[in-house]
């Protein structure tokens, strides 16, 4: 069973790093839209992205 699943995943050639990046950004945006992120976190993110 695990061999079949591993074979399917190798056939799809999914870039794991892009999937994780999209999930991270999507989760952050979902929390941002739901007003569950502290404003200090947004200020720190802006400071990080400005450099």
C-alpha atoms as a PDB file:
ATOM      1  CA  UNK A   1       0.000   0.000   0.000  1.00  0.00           C
ATOM      2  CA  UNK A   2       2.760   2.452   0.906  1.00  0.00           C
ATOM      3  CA  UNK A   3       4.672   1.503  -2.222  1.00  0.00           C
ATOM      4  CA  UNK A   4       1.644   2.318  -4.360  1.00  0.00           C
ATOM      5  CA  UNK A   5       1.234   5.688  -2.662  1.00  0.00           C
ATOM      6  CA  UNK A   6       4.931   6.475  -3.075  1.00  0.00           C
ATOM      7  CA  UNK A   7       4.723   5.509  -6.753  1.00  0.00           C
ATOM      8  CA  UNK A   8       1.758   7.828  -7.278  1.00  0.00           C
ATOM      9  CA  UNK A   9       3.523  10.724  -5.585  1.00  0.00           C
ATOM     10  CA  UNK A  10       6.629  10.259  -7.685  1.00  0.00           C
ATOM     11  CA  UNK A  11       4.517  10.186 -10.824  1.00  0.00           C
ATOM     12  CA  UNK A  12       2.919  13.517  -9.974  1.00  0.00           C
ATOM     13  CA  UNK A  13       6.284  15.273  -9.439  1.00  0.00           C
ATOM     14  CA  UNK A  14       4.854  17.636  -6.864  1.00  0.00           C
ATOM     15  CA  UNK A  15       7.306  20.327  -5.757  1.00  0.00           C
ATOM     16  CA  UNK A  16       6.993  20.022  -1.994  1.00  0.00           C
ATOM     17  CA  UNK A  17       8.605  23.401  -1.311  1.00  0.00           C
ATOM     18  CA  UNK A  18       6.029  25.221  -3.424  1.00  0.00           C
ATOM     19  CA  UNK A  19       3.159  23.355  -1.791  1.00  0.00           C
ATOM     20  CA  UNK A  20       4.450  24.333   1.655  1.00  0.00           C
ATOM     21  CA  UNK A  21       4.939  27.953   0.548  1.00  0.00           C
ATOM     22  CA  UNK A  22       1.411  28.212  -0.853  1.00  0.00           C
ATOM     23  CA  UNK A  23      -0.050  26.612   2.273  1.00  0.00           C
ATOM     24  CA  UNK A  24       1.894  29.008   4.507  1.00  0.00           C
ATOM     25  CA  UNK A  25       0.859  32.127   2.598  1.00  0.00           C
ATOM     26  CA  UNK A  26      -2.716  30.884   2.334  1.00  0.00           C
ATOM     27  CA  UNK A  27      -2.888  30.184   6.057  1.00  0.00           C
ATOM     28  CA  UNK A  28      -1.437  33.598   6.872  1.00  0.00           C
ATOM     29  CA  UNK A  29      -3.930  35.332   4.585  1.00  0.00           C
ATOM     30  CA  UNK A  30      -6.815  33.340   6.062  1.00  0.00           C
ATOM     31  CA  UNK A  31      -5.777  34.372   9.585  1.00  0.00           C
ATOM     32  CA  UNK A  32      -5.276  37.963   8.423  1.00  0.00           C
ATOM     33  CA  UNK A  33      -8.757  38.121   6.933  1.00  0.00           C
ATOM     34  CA  UNK A  34     -10.206  36.604  10.093  1.00  0.00           C
ATOM     35  CA  UNK A  35      -8.456  39.276  12.252  1.00  0.00           C
ATOM     36  CA  UNK A  36      -6.515  36.689  14.238  1.00  0.00           C
ATOM     37  CA  UNK A  37      -3.033  38.132  13.667  1.00  0.00           C
ATOM     38  CA  UNK A  38      -1.634  40.643  16.105  1.00  0.00           C
ATOM     39  CA  UNK A  39      -0.766  44.020  14.544  1.00  0.00           C
ATOM     40  CA  UNK A  40       2.790  43.682  15.901  1.00  0.00           C
ATOM     41  CA  UNK A  41       3.251  40.561  13.777  1.00  0.00           C
ATOM     42  CA  UNK A  42       2.239  42.528  10.689  1.00  0.00           C
ATOM     43  CA  UNK A  43       4.688  45.324  11.569  1.00  0.00           C
ATOM     44  CA  UNK A  44       7.485  42.778  12.025  1.00  0.00           C
ATOM     45  CA  UNK A  45       6.627  41.145   8.697  1.00  0.00           C
ATOM     46  CA  UNK A  46       6.689  44.512   6.945  1.00  0.00           C
ATOM     47  CA  UNK A  47      10.046  45.330   8.508  1.00  0.00           C
ATOM     48  CA  UNK A  48      11.412  41.942   7.450  1.00  0.00           C
ATOM     49  CA  UNK A  49      10.182  42.328   3.874  1.00  0.00           C
ATOM     50  CA  UNK A  50      11.498  45.881   3.561  1.00  0.00           C
ATOM     51  CA  UNK A  51      15.135  44.767   3.797  1.00  0.00           C
END
